[in-house]
Structures are given as structure tokens and as C-alpha cells.
Amino acid sequence: MVCKFQEINDFFKKYSQLLEGIDETELKELLEIFPHACKFVKTLDEDIVNCDDLELVSQKSLELLDNVYEHEYTKDDILKFAAVTCKIFDIVGAPKYHVPFILVILSKL
């Protein structure tokens, strides 16, 4: 389970292509958008995002966006972006842990 700041920071140092140009301070700010990340992950049946069923990560991403920003993204927009994010993680060879995956989605929107 990758959900604490140091784990997430280490993850993005290893797979730096996922969040190019984001330093530790910006990563902390991004993580502040996702309060209780570990609690969310503990409610899941699996550690890795299932790219064949992106409903959960899309819903959580939309919920986090709704709580922080005014935006015009729809659930379908987020689903499409999640599908692209799956491909990006595949290209980089990064495991699709839920919290880093959702943080990448949020950082790109």
C-alpha cells in the first residue's frame, strides 16, 4: 500500500516521468487534495488499479475535484483520462497503486 507522503515521494522519485517537474513541496500540496488517502486505500479489495474497471478511481478523482475546485469535468471525462493514465503507467512500467494513480490524474487536470 502506497499512501503516506514518504512512500508517495519515493514512488515518484523512482517513476519521475509520471509527475515531471513537481518538487516535494508541490507534491505535498497535491497530496493535501487527497485527505485520508490511506483510509481510502484500506477500503479497497486490491492494491492495484484495475484498468478494465476504472469506475472506482474515476469516481474518487471526481469526488476530490468536487471538494477542492470548481470544474466542468464529467464522470465520462475522468473515465477517459483514467484510461490514458493506465497507458502512461504501462509505458513507464510503474505499478498502478491507487493513490499515486489518482494523484497523476489530479495533477494533469
PDB file of N, CA and C in Angstrom:
ATOM      1  N   MET A   1       0.855  -1.169   0.000  1.00  0.00           N
ATOM      2  CA  MET A   1       0.000   0.000   0.000  1.00  0.00           C
ATOM      3  C   MET A   1       0.907   1.239   0.000  1.00  0.00           C
ATOM      4  N   VAL A   2       0.721   2.108  -0.968  1.00  0.00           N
ATOM      5  CA  VAL A   2       1.489   3.344  -1.080  1.00  0.00           C
ATOM      6  C   VAL A   2       0.519   4.497  -0.852  1.00  0.00           C
ATOM      7  N   CYS A   3       0.566   5.085   0.372  1.00  0.00           N
ATOM      8  CA  CYS A   3      -0.394   6.150   0.646  1.00  0.00           C
ATOM      9  C   CYS A   3       0.170   7.254   1.536  1.00  0.00           C
ATOM     10  N   LYS A   4       1.288   7.010   2.199  1.00  0.00           N
ATOM     11  CA  LYS A   4       1.893   8.020   3.063  1.00  0.00           C
ATOM     12  C   LYS A   4       2.847   8.873   2.239  1.00  0.00           C
ATOM     13  N   PHE A   5       3.070  10.111   2.703  1.00  0.00           N
ATOM     14  CA  PHE A   5       3.862  11.046   1.897  1.00  0.00           C
ATOM     15  C   PHE A   5       5.213  10.473   1.482  1.00  0.00           C
ATOM     16  N   GLN A   6       5.983   9.922   2.424  1.00  0.00           N
ATOM     17  CA  GLN A   6       7.322   9.442   2.067  1.00  0.00           C
ATOM     18  C   GLN A   6       7.260   8.318   1.041  1.00  0.00           C
ATOM     19  N   GLU A   7       6.285   7.424   1.175  1.00  0.00           N
ATOM     20  CA  GLU A   7       6.112   6.339   0.195  1.00  0.00           C
ATOM     21  C   GLU A   7       5.770   6.907  -1.183  1.00  0.00           C
ATOM     22  N   ILE A   8       4.903   7.889  -1.194  1.00  0.00           N
ATOM     23  CA  ILE A   8       4.485   8.508  -2.456  1.00  0.00           C
ATOM     24  C   ILE A   8       5.651   9.275  -3.065  1.00  0.00           C
ATOM     25  N   ASN A   9       6.380  10.001  -2.236  1.00  0.00           N
ATOM     26  CA  ASN A   9       7.541  10.747  -2.713  1.00  0.00           C
ATOM     27  C   ASN A   9       8.573   9.800  -3.321  1.00  0.00           C
ATOM     28  N   ASP A  10       8.846   8.693  -2.637  1.00  0.00           N
ATOM     29  CA  ASP A  10       9.788   7.695  -3.159  1.00  0.00           C
ATOM     30  C   ASP A  10       9.290   7.106  -4.471  1.00  0.00           C
ATOM     31  N   PHE A  11       7.992   6.846  -4.548  1.00  0.00           N
ATOM     32  CA  PHE A  11       7.390   6.292  -5.768  1.00  0.00           C
ATOM     33  C   PHE A  11       7.635   7.238  -6.949  1.00  0.00           C
ATOM     34  N   PHE A  12       7.362   8.529  -6.729  1.00  0.00           N
ATOM     35  CA  PHE A  12       7.508   9.485  -7.826  1.00  0.00           C
ATOM     36  C   PHE A  12       8.964   9.823  -8.130  1.00  0.00           C
ATOM     37  N   LYS A  13       9.867   9.585  -7.192  1.00  0.00           N
ATOM     38  CA  LYS A  13      11.295   9.715  -7.499  1.00  0.00           C
ATOM     39  C   LYS A  13      11.712   8.570  -8.421  1.00  0.00           C
ATOM     40  N   LYS A  14      11.194   7.395  -8.142  1.00  0.00           N
ATOM     41  CA  LYS A  14      11.526   6.224  -8.958  1.00  0.00           C
ATOM     42  C   LYS A  14      10.897   6.327 -10.350  1.00  0.00           C
ATOM     43  N   TYR A  15       9.653   6.818 -10.400  1.00  0.00           N
ATOM     44  CA  TYR A  15       8.931   6.939 -11.671  1.00  0.00           C
ATOM     45  C   TYR A  15       8.683   8.427 -11.958  1.00  0.00           C
ATOM     46  N   SER A  16       9.776   9.164 -12.088  1.00  0.00           N
ATOM     47  CA  SER A  16       9.699  10.624 -12.194  1.00  0.00           C
ATOM     48  C   SER A  16       8.976  11.106 -13.448  1.00  0.00           C
ATOM     49  N   GLN A  17       8.882  10.269 -14.454  1.00  0.00           N
ATOM     50  CA  GLN A  17       8.194  10.670 -15.687  1.00  0.00           C
ATOM     51  C   GLN A  17       6.695  10.924 -15.448  1.00  0.00           C
ATOM     52  N   LEU A  18       6.149  10.335 -14.399  1.00  0.00           N
ATOM     53  CA  LEU A  18       4.708  10.461 -14.147  1.00  0.00           C
ATOM     54  C   LEU A  18       4.311  11.863 -13.705  1.00  0.00           C
ATOM     55  N   LEU A  19       5.169  12.508 -12.935  1.00  0.00           N
ATOM     56  CA  LEU A  19       4.890  13.873 -12.456  1.00  0.00           C
ATOM     57  C   LEU A  19       6.102  14.759 -12.743  1.00  0.00           C
ATOM     58  N   GLU A  20       6.430  14.914 -13.999  1.00  0.00           N
ATOM     59  CA  GLU A  20       7.612  15.686 -14.370  1.00  0.00           C
ATOM     60  C   GLU A  20       7.529  17.108 -13.834  1.00  0.00           C
ATOM     61  N   GLY A  21       8.633  17.547 -13.256  1.00  0.00           N
ATOM     62  CA  GLY A  21       8.729  18.934 -12.830  1.00  0.00           C
ATOM     63  C   GLY A  21       8.069  19.269 -11.506  1.00  0.00           C
ATOM     64  N   ILE A  22       7.558  18.277 -10.783  1.00  0.00           N
ATOM     65  CA  ILE A  22       6.923  18.552  -9.493  1.00  0.00           C
ATOM     66  C   ILE A  22       7.920  18.246  -8.378  1.00  0.00           C
ATOM     67  N   ASP A  23       8.164  19.244  -7.525  1.00  0.00           N
ATOM     68  CA  ASP A  23       9.088  19.025  -6.414  1.00  0.00           C
ATOM     69  C   ASP A  23       8.323  18.559  -5.175  1.00  0.00           C
ATOM     70  N   GLU A  24       9.038  18.334  -4.072  1.00  0.00           N
ATOM     71  CA  GLU A  24       8.416  17.796  -2.852  1.00  0.00           C
ATOM     72  C   GLU A  24       7.319  18.705  -2.303  1.00  0.00           C
ATOM     73  N   THR A  25       7.543  20.012  -2.353  1.00  0.00           N
ATOM     74  CA  THR A  25       6.545  20.965  -1.840  1.00  0.00           C
ATOM     75  C   THR A  25       5.258  20.876  -2.651  1.00  0.00           C
ATOM     76  N   GLU A  26       5.398  20.833  -3.968  1.00  0.00           N
ATOM     77  CA  GLU A  26       4.222  20.723  -4.840  1.00  0.00           C
ATOM     78  C   GLU A  26       3.525  19.376  -4.642  1.00  0.00           C
ATOM     79  N   LEU A  27       4.308  18.334  -4.399  1.00  0.00           N
ATOM     80  CA  LEU A  27       3.723  17.016  -4.142  1.00  0.00           C
ATOM     81  C   LEU A  27       2.922  17.034  -2.840  1.00  0.00           C
ATOM     82  N   LYS A  28       3.454  17.692  -1.812  1.00  0.00           N
ATOM     83  CA  LYS A  28       2.715  17.818  -0.548  1.00  0.00           C
ATOM     84  C   LYS A  28       1.398  18.548  -0.764  1.00  0.00           C
ATOM     85  N   GLU A  29       1.433  19.623  -1.558  1.00  0.00           N
ATOM     86  CA  GLU A  29       0.214  20.380  -1.857  1.00  0.00           C
ATOM     87  C   GLU A  29      -0.791  19.506  -2.607  1.00  0.00           C
ATOM     88  N   LEU A  30      -0.297  18.726  -3.552  1.00  0.00           N
ATOM     89  CA  LEU A  30      -1.168  17.831  -4.310  1.00  0.00           C
ATOM     90  C   LEU A  30      -1.782  16.781  -3.398  1.00  0.00           C
ATOM     91  N   LEU A  31      -0.983  16.249  -2.483  1.00  0.00           N
ATOM     92  CA  LEU A  31      -1.489  15.236  -1.551  1.00  0.00           C
ATOM     93  C   LEU A  31      -2.525  15.819  -0.590  1.00  0.00           C
ATOM     94  N   GLU A  32      -2.431  17.115  -0.293  1.00  0.00           N
ATOM     95  CA  GLU A  32      -3.423  17.761   0.568  1.00  0.00           C
ATOM     96  C   GLU A  32      -4.824  17.727  -0.052  1.00  0.00           C
ATOM     97  N   ILE A  33      -4.895  17.611  -1.358  1.00  0.00           N
ATOM     98  CA  ILE A  33      -6.181  17.492  -2.052  1.00  0.00           C
ATOM     99  C   ILE A  33      -6.833  16.151  -1.728  1.00  0.00           C
ATOM    100  N   PHE A  34      -6.010  15.184  -1.337  1.00  0.00           N
ATOM    101  CA  PHE A  34      -6.460  13.809  -1.121  1.00  0.00           C
ATOM    102  C   PHE A  34      -6.311  13.453   0.361  1.00  0.00           C
ATOM    103  N   PRO A  35      -7.124  14.089   1.227  1.00  0.00           N
ATOM    104  CA  PRO A  35      -7.025  13.758   2.650  1.00  0.00           C
ATOM    105  C   PRO A  35      -7.490  12.320   2.900  1.00  0.00           C
ATOM    106  N   HIS A  36      -6.928  11.710   3.882  1.00  0.00           N
ATOM    107  CA  HIS A  36      -7.310  10.342   4.268  1.00  0.00           C
ATOM    108  C   HIS A  36      -7.055   9.330   3.154  1.00  0.00           C
ATOM    109  N   ALA A  37      -5.955   9.529   2.422  1.00  0.00           N
ATOM    110  CA  ALA A  37      -5.621   8.619   1.319  1.00  0.00           C
ATOM    111  C   ALA A  37      -5.467   7.184   1.798  1.00  0.00           C
ATOM    112  N   CYS A  38      -4.808   6.999   2.947  1.00  0.00           N
ATOM    113  CA  CYS A  38      -4.604   5.637   3.456  1.00  0.00           C
ATOM    114  C   CYS A  38      -5.933   4.994   3.853  1.00  0.00           C
ATOM    115  N   LYS A  39      -6.802   5.778   4.438  1.00  0.00           N
ATOM    116  CA  LYS A  39      -8.118   5.258   4.815  1.00  0.00           C
ATOM    117  C   LYS A  39      -8.872   4.787   3.574  1.00  0.00           C
ATOM    118  N   PHE A  40      -8.790   5.566   2.490  1.00  0.00           N
ATOM    119  CA  PHE A  40      -9.431   5.183   1.230  1.00  0.00           C
ATOM    120  C   PHE A  40      -8.867   3.859   0.723  1.00  0.00           C
ATOM    121  N   VAL A  41      -7.548   3.733   0.720  1.00  0.00           N
ATOM    122  CA  VAL A  41      -6.904   2.522   0.195  1.00  0.00           C
ATOM    123  C   VAL A  41      -7.284   1.302   1.027  1.00  0.00           C
ATOM    124  N   LYS A  42      -7.401   1.474   2.338  1.00  0.00           N
ATOM    125  CA  LYS A  42      -7.751   0.342   3.208  1.00  0.00           C
ATOM    126  C   LYS A  42      -9.156  -0.198   2.926  1.00  0.00           C
ATOM    127  N   THR A  43     -10.010   0.604   2.309  1.00  0.00           N
ATOM    128  CA  THR A  43     -11.367   0.143   1.993  1.00  0.00           C
ATOM    129  C   THR A  43     -11.414  -0.688   0.720  1.00  0.00           C
ATOM    130  N   LEU A  44     -10.309  -0.768   0.011  1.00  0.00           N
ATOM    131  CA  LEU A  44     -10.284  -1.447  -1.286  1.00  0.00           C
ATOM    132  C   LEU A  44      -9.914  -2.916  -1.146  1.00  0.00           C
ATOM    133  N   ASP A  45     -10.352  -3.699  -2.109  1.00  0.00           N
ATOM    134  CA  ASP A  45     -10.047  -5.131  -2.124  1.00  0.00           C
ATOM    135  C   ASP A  45      -8.657  -5.426  -2.677  1.00  0.00           C
ATOM    136  N   GLU A  46      -8.133  -4.506  -3.473  1.00  0.00           N
ATOM    137  CA  GLU A  46      -6.845  -4.756  -4.112  1.00  0.00           C
ATOM    138  C   GLU A  46      -5.993  -3.492  -4.071  1.00  0.00           C
ATOM    139  N   ASP A  47      -4.677  -3.677  -4.167  1.00  0.00           N
ATOM    140  CA  ASP A  47      -3.737  -2.552  -4.109  1.00  0.00           C
ATOM    141  C   ASP A  47      -3.578  -1.830  -5.441  1.00  0.00           C
ATOM    142  N   ILE A  48      -3.830  -2.535  -6.513  1.00  0.00           N
ATOM    143  CA  ILE A  48      -3.538  -2.034  -7.851  1.00  0.00           C
ATOM    144  C   ILE A  48      -4.839  -1.666  -8.581  1.00  0.00           C
ATOM    145  N   VAL A  49      -4.790  -0.551  -9.305  1.00  0.00           N
ATOM    146  CA  VAL A  49      -5.929  -0.120 -10.114  1.00  0.00           C
ATOM    147  C   VAL A  49      -6.180  -1.154 -11.204  1.00  0.00           C
ATOM    148  N   ASN A  50      -7.430  -1.503 -11.370  1.00  0.00           N
ATOM    149  CA  ASN A  50      -7.840  -2.421 -12.429  1.00  0.00           C
ATOM    150  C   ASN A  50      -8.209  -1.588 -13.650  1.00  0.00           C
ATOM    151  N   CYS A  51      -7.383  -1.618 -14.673  1.00  0.00           N
ATOM    152  CA  CYS A  51      -7.619  -0.785 -15.857  1.00  0.00           C
ATOM    153  C   CYS A  51      -8.810  -1.259 -16.688  1.00  0.00           C
ATOM    154  N   ASP A  52      -9.337  -2.423 -16.366  1.00  0.00           N
ATOM    155  CA  ASP A  52     -10.548  -2.892 -17.040  1.00  0.00           C
ATOM    156  C   ASP A  52     -11.808  -2.385 -16.348  1.00  0.00           C
ATOM    157  N   ASP A  53     -11.647  -1.817 -15.163  1.00  0.00           N
ATOM    158  CA  ASP A  53     -12.778  -1.263 -14.415  1.00  0.00           C
ATOM    159  C   ASP A  53     -12.301  -0.006 -13.682  1.00  0.00           C
ATOM    160  N   LEU A  54     -12.398   1.126 -14.355  1.00  0.00           N
ATOM    161  CA  LEU A  54     -11.872   2.382 -13.830  1.00  0.00           C
ATOM    162  C   LEU A  54     -12.922   3.212 -13.100  1.00  0.00           C
ATOM    163  N   GLU A  55     -14.056   2.607 -12.845  1.00  0.00           N
ATOM    164  CA  GLU A  55     -15.165   3.302 -12.192  1.00  0.00           C
ATOM    165  C   GLU A  55     -14.761   3.876 -10.826  1.00  0.00           C
ATOM    166  N   LEU A  56     -14.121   3.072 -10.003  1.00  0.00           N
ATOM    167  CA  LEU A  56     -13.774   3.488  -8.642  1.00  0.00           C
ATOM    168  C   LEU A  56     -12.795   4.653  -8.634  1.00  0.00           C
ATOM    169  N   VAL A  57     -11.681   4.541  -9.372  1.00  0.00           N
ATOM    170  CA  VAL A  57     -10.699   5.632  -9.357  1.00  0.00           C
ATOM    171  C   VAL A  57     -11.257   6.884 -10.014  1.00  0.00           C
ATOM    172  N   SER A  58     -12.104   6.708 -11.000  1.00  0.00           N
ATOM    173  CA  SER A  58     -12.718   7.876 -11.644  1.00  0.00           C
ATOM    174  C   SER A  58     -13.670   8.574 -10.691  1.00  0.00           C
ATOM    175  N   GLN A  59     -14.458   7.802  -9.980  1.00  0.00           N
ATOM    176  CA  GLN A  59     -15.402   8.378  -9.019  1.00  0.00           C
ATOM    177  C   GLN A  59     -14.666   9.102  -7.901  1.00  0.00           C
ATOM    178  N   LYS A  60     -13.605   8.487  -7.379  1.00  0.00           N
ATOM    179  CA  LYS A  60     -12.832   9.111  -6.300  1.00  0.00           C
ATOM    180  C   LYS A  60     -12.150  10.380  -6.807  1.00  0.00           C
ATOM    181  N   SER A  61     -11.604  10.355  -7.996  1.00  0.00           N
ATOM    182  CA  SER A  61     -10.959  11.538  -8.573  1.00  0.00           C
ATOM    183  C   SER A  61     -11.952  12.680  -8.721  1.00  0.00           C
ATOM    184  N   LEU A  62     -13.138  12.355  -9.214  1.00  0.00           N
ATOM    185  CA  LEU A  62     -14.177  13.369  -9.382  1.00  0.00           C
ATOM    186  C   LEU A  62     -14.620  13.930  -8.032  1.00  0.00           C
ATOM    187  N   GLU A  63     -14.755  13.068  -7.062  1.00  0.00           N
ATOM    188  CA  GLU A  63     -15.135  13.489  -5.702  1.00  0.00           C
ATOM    189  C   GLU A  63     -14.097  14.455  -5.121  1.00  0.00           C
ATOM    190  N   LEU A  64     -12.818  14.135  -5.291  1.00  0.00           N
ATOM    191  CA  LEU A  64     -11.754  15.001  -4.791  1.00  0.00           C
ATOM    192  C   LEU A  64     -11.752  16.342  -5.518  1.00  0.00           C
ATOM    193  N   LEU A  65     -11.952  16.303  -6.821  1.00  0.00           N
ATOM    194  CA  LEU A  65     -12.033  17.550  -7.595  1.00  0.00           C
ATOM    195  C   LEU A  65     -13.196  18.412  -7.124  1.00  0.00           C
ATOM    196  N   ASP A  66     -14.336  17.771  -6.916  1.00  0.00           N
ATOM    197  CA  ASP A  66     -15.534  18.497  -6.463  1.00  0.00           C
ATOM    198  C   ASP A  66     -15.297  19.193  -5.123  1.00  0.00           C
ATOM    199  N   ASN A  67     -14.518  18.560  -4.260  1.00  0.00           N
ATOM    200  CA  ASN A  67     -14.262  19.110  -2.931  1.00  0.00           C
ATOM    201  C   ASN A  67     -13.292  20.286  -2.942  1.00  0.00           C
ATOM    202  N   VAL A  68     -12.486  20.413  -3.999  1.00  0.00           N
ATOM    203  CA  VAL A  68     -11.411  21.400  -3.980  1.00  0.00           C
ATOM    204  C   VAL A  68     -11.570  22.496  -5.039  1.00  0.00           C
ATOM    205  N   TYR A  69     -12.068  22.138  -6.202  1.00  0.00           N
ATOM    206  CA  TYR A  69     -12.112  23.083  -7.320  1.00  0.00           C
ATOM    207  C   TYR A  69     -13.507  23.190  -7.908  1.00  0.00           C
ATOM    208  N   GLU A  70     -13.740  24.349  -8.522  1.00  0.00           N
ATOM    209  CA  GLU A  70     -14.885  24.431  -9.416  1.00  0.00           C
ATOM    210  C   GLU A  70     -14.370  23.967 -10.768  1.00  0.00           C
ATOM    211  N   HIS A  71     -15.066  23.053 -11.372  1.00  0.00           N
ATOM    212  CA  HIS A  71     -14.601  22.493 -12.640  1.00  0.00           C
ATOM    213  C   HIS A  71     -15.803  22.052 -13.455  1.00  0.00           C
ATOM    214  N   GLU A  72     -15.532  21.694 -14.689  1.00  0.00           N
ATOM    215  CA  GLU A  72     -16.602  21.242 -15.583  1.00  0.00           C
ATOM    216  C   GLU A  72     -16.371  19.820 -16.079  1.00  0.00           C
ATOM    217  N   TYR A  73     -15.495  19.088 -15.397  1.00  0.00           N
ATOM    218  CA  TYR A  73     -15.247  17.708 -15.806  1.00  0.00           C
ATOM    219  C   TYR A  73     -16.434  16.830 -15.446  1.00  0.00           C
ATOM    220  N   THR A  74     -16.747  15.916 -16.348  1.00  0.00           N
ATOM    221  CA  THR A  74     -17.814  14.954 -16.094  1.00  0.00           C
ATOM    222  C   THR A  74     -17.174  13.610 -15.735  1.00  0.00           C
ATOM    223  N   LYS A  75     -18.008  12.717 -15.272  1.00  0.00           N
ATOM    224  CA  LYS A  75     -17.516  11.375 -14.951  1.00  0.00           C
ATOM    225  C   LYS A  75     -16.917  10.715 -16.194  1.00  0.00           C
ATOM    226  N   ASP A  76     -17.533  10.924 -17.348  1.00  0.00           N
ATOM    227  CA  ASP A  76     -17.005  10.357 -18.594  1.00  0.00           C
ATOM    228  C   ASP A  76     -15.639  10.935 -18.936  1.00  0.00           C
ATOM    229  N   ASP A  77     -15.457  12.249 -18.703  1.00  0.00           N
ATOM    230  CA  ASP A  77     -14.148  12.873 -18.948  1.00  0.00           C
ATOM    231  C   ASP A  77     -13.082  12.203 -18.093  1.00  0.00           C
ATOM    232  N   ILE A  78     -13.409  12.007 -16.822  1.00  0.00           N
ATOM    233  CA  ILE A  78     -12.453  11.408 -15.889  1.00  0.00           C
ATOM    234  C   ILE A  78     -12.170   9.950 -16.272  1.00  0.00           C
ATOM    235  N   LEU A  79     -13.202   9.223 -16.666  1.00  0.00           N
ATOM    236  CA  LEU A  79     -13.006   7.825 -17.107  1.00  0.00           C
ATOM    237  C   LEU A  79     -12.046   7.760 -18.284  1.00  0.00           C
ATOM    238  N   LYS A  80     -12.211   8.657 -19.249  1.00  0.00           N
ATOM    239  CA  LYS A  80     -11.324   8.673 -20.422  1.00  0.00           C
ATOM    240  C   LYS A  80      -9.897   9.010 -19.996  1.00  0.00           C
ATOM    241  N   PHE A  81      -9.769   9.972 -19.102  1.00  0.00           N
ATOM    242  CA  PHE A  81      -8.437  10.351 -18.653  1.00  0.00           C
ATOM    243  C   PHE A  81      -7.791   9.231 -17.847  1.00  0.00           C
ATOM    244  N   ALA A  82      -8.583   8.508 -17.084  1.00  0.00           N
ATOM    245  CA  ALA A  82      -8.059   7.373 -16.317  1.00  0.00           C
ATOM    246  C   ALA A  82      -7.541   6.288 -17.261  1.00  0.00           C
ATOM    247  N   ALA A  83      -8.233   6.076 -18.365  1.00  0.00           N
ATOM    248  CA  ALA A  83      -7.783   5.080 -19.343  1.00  0.00           C
ATOM    249  C   ALA A  83      -6.429   5.480 -19.932  1.00  0.00           C
ATOM    250  N   VAL A  84      -6.269   6.765 -20.223  1.00  0.00           N
ATOM    251  CA  VAL A  84      -4.983   7.261 -20.731  1.00  0.00           C
ATOM    252  C   VAL A  84      -3.903   7.117 -19.656  1.00  0.00           C
ATOM    253  N   THR A  85      -4.269   7.405 -18.414  1.00  0.00           N
ATOM    254  CA  THR A  85      -3.318   7.290 -17.310  1.00  0.00           C
ATOM    255  C   THR A  85      -2.841   5.847 -17.157  1.00  0.00           C
ATOM    256  N   CYS A  86      -3.723   4.878 -17.359  1.00  0.00           N
ATOM    257  CA  CYS A  86      -3.320   3.462 -17.333  1.00  0.00           C
ATOM    258  C   CYS A  86      -2.224   3.204 -18.363  1.00  0.00           C
ATOM    259  N   LYS A  87      -2.409   3.748 -19.545  1.00  0.00           N
ATOM    260  CA  LYS A  87      -1.416   3.540 -20.604  1.00  0.00           C
ATOM    261  C   LYS A  87      -0.089   4.202 -20.246  1.00  0.00           C
ATOM    262  N   ILE A  88      -0.156   5.387 -19.625  1.00  0.00           N
ATOM    263  CA  ILE A  88       1.066   6.080 -19.214  1.00  0.00           C
ATOM    264  C   ILE A  88       1.822   5.244 -18.183  1.00  0.00           C
ATOM    265  N   PHE A  89       1.114   4.712 -17.197  1.00  0.00           N
ATOM    266  CA  PHE A  89       1.752   3.867 -16.178  1.00  0.00           C
ATOM    267  C   PHE A  89       2.373   2.630 -16.833  1.00  0.00           C
ATOM    268  N   ASP A  90       1.689   2.052 -17.837  1.00  0.00           N
ATOM    269  CA  ASP A  90       2.235   0.889 -18.548  1.00  0.00           C
ATOM    270  C   ASP A  90       3.528   1.245 -19.277  1.00  0.00           C
ATOM    271  N   ILE A  91       3.528   2.384 -19.948  1.00  0.00           N
ATOM    272  CA  ILE A  91       4.713   2.818 -20.703  1.00  0.00           C
ATOM    273  C   ILE A  91       5.905   3.012 -19.760  1.00  0.00           C
ATOM    274  N   VAL A  92       5.646   3.622 -18.607  1.00  0.00           N
ATOM    275  CA  VAL A  92       6.708   3.899 -17.637  1.00  0.00           C
ATOM    276  C   VAL A  92       7.108   2.627 -16.881  1.00  0.00           C
ATOM    277  N   GLY A  93       6.208   1.647 -16.846  1.00  0.00           N
ATOM    278  CA  GLY A  93       6.469   0.415 -16.105  1.00  0.00           C
ATOM    279  C   GLY A  93       6.216   0.552 -14.623  1.00  0.00           C
ATOM    280  N   ALA A  94       5.343   1.495 -14.256  1.00  0.00           N
ATOM    281  CA  ALA A  94       5.050   1.756 -12.844  1.00  0.00           C
ATOM    282  C   ALA A  94       3.846   0.940 -12.386  1.00  0.00           C
ATOM    283  N   PRO A  95       3.904   0.411 -11.158  1.00  0.00           N
ATOM    284  CA  PRO A  95       2.724  -0.273 -10.602  1.00  0.00           C
ATOM    285  C   PRO A  95       1.608   0.752 -10.387  1.00  0.00           C
ATOM    286  N   LYS A  96       0.403   0.336 -10.633  1.00  0.00           N
ATOM    287  CA  LYS A  96      -0.741   1.256 -10.590  1.00  0.00           C
ATOM    288  C   LYS A  96      -1.378   1.308  -9.195  1.00  0.00           C
ATOM    289  N   TYR A  97      -0.593   1.744  -8.211  1.00  0.00           N
ATOM    290  CA  TYR A  97      -1.144   1.921  -6.864  1.00  0.00           C
ATOM    291  C   TYR A  97      -2.171   3.045  -6.896  1.00  0.00           C
ATOM    292  N   HIS A  98      -3.250   2.885  -6.152  1.00  0.00           N
ATOM    293  CA  HIS A  98      -4.374   3.809  -6.234  1.00  0.00           C
ATOM    294  C   HIS A  98      -4.019   5.270  -5.966  1.00  0.00           C
ATOM    295  N   VAL A  99      -3.321   5.547  -4.881  1.00  0.00           N
ATOM    296  CA  VAL A  99      -3.063   6.946  -4.521  1.00  0.00           C
ATOM    297  C   VAL A  99      -2.170   7.632  -5.549  1.00  0.00           C
ATOM    298  N   PRO A 100      -1.019   7.075  -5.927  1.00  0.00           N
ATOM    299  CA  PRO A 100      -0.230   7.740  -6.969  1.00  0.00           C
ATOM    300  C   PRO A 100      -1.000   7.876  -8.291  1.00  0.00           C
ATOM    301  N   PHE A 101      -1.784   6.864  -8.625  1.00  0.00           N
ATOM    302  CA  PHE A 101      -2.574   6.893  -9.858  1.00  0.00           C
ATOM    303  C   PHE A 101      -3.539   8.078  -9.840  1.00  0.00           C
ATOM    304  N   ILE A 102      -4.265   8.232  -8.748  1.00  0.00           N
ATOM    305  CA  ILE A 102      -5.230   9.329  -8.639  1.00  0.00           C
ATOM    306  C   ILE A 102      -4.500  10.669  -8.595  1.00  0.00           C
ATOM    307  N   LEU A 103      -3.348  10.727  -7.949  1.00  0.00           N
ATOM    308  CA  LEU A 103      -2.585  11.982  -7.912  1.00  0.00           C
ATOM    309  C   LEU A 103      -2.126  12.390  -9.302  1.00  0.00           C
ATOM    310  N   VAL A 104      -1.744  11.425 -10.134  1.00  0.00           N
ATOM    311  CA  VAL A 104      -1.363  11.744 -11.511  1.00  0.00           C
ATOM    312  C   VAL A 104      -2.572  12.304 -12.254  1.00  0.00           C
ATOM    313  N   ILE A 105      -3.717  11.687 -12.092  1.00  0.00           N
ATOM    314  CA  ILE A 105      -4.931  12.204 -12.736  1.00  0.00           C
ATOM    315  C   ILE A 105      -5.184  13.636 -12.290  1.00  0.00           C
ATOM    316  N   LEU A 106      -5.166  13.884 -10.994  1.00  0.00           N
ATOM    317  CA  LEU A 106      -5.442  15.224 -10.481  1.00  0.00           C
ATOM    318  C   LEU A 106      -4.419  16.243 -10.958  1.00  0.00           C
ATOM    319  N   SER A 107      -3.172  15.839 -11.052  1.00  0.00           N
ATOM    320  CA  SER A 107      -2.123  16.783 -11.462  1.00  0.00           C
ATOM    321  C   SER A 107      -2.250  17.185 -12.930  1.00  0.00           C
ATOM    322  N   LYS A 108      -2.877  16.355 -13.724  1.00  0.00           N
ATOM    323  CA  LYS A 108      -2.975  16.628 -15.160  1.00  0.00           C
ATOM    324  C   LYS A 108      -4.260  17.362 -15.543  1.00  0.00           C
ATOM    325  N   LEU A 109      -5.198  17.443 -14.614  1.00  0.00           N
ATOM    326  CA  LEU A 109      -6.468  18.106 -14.921  1.00  0.00           C
ATOM    327  C   LEU A 109      -6.397  19.598 -14.674  1.00  0.00           C
TER     328      LEU A 109
END
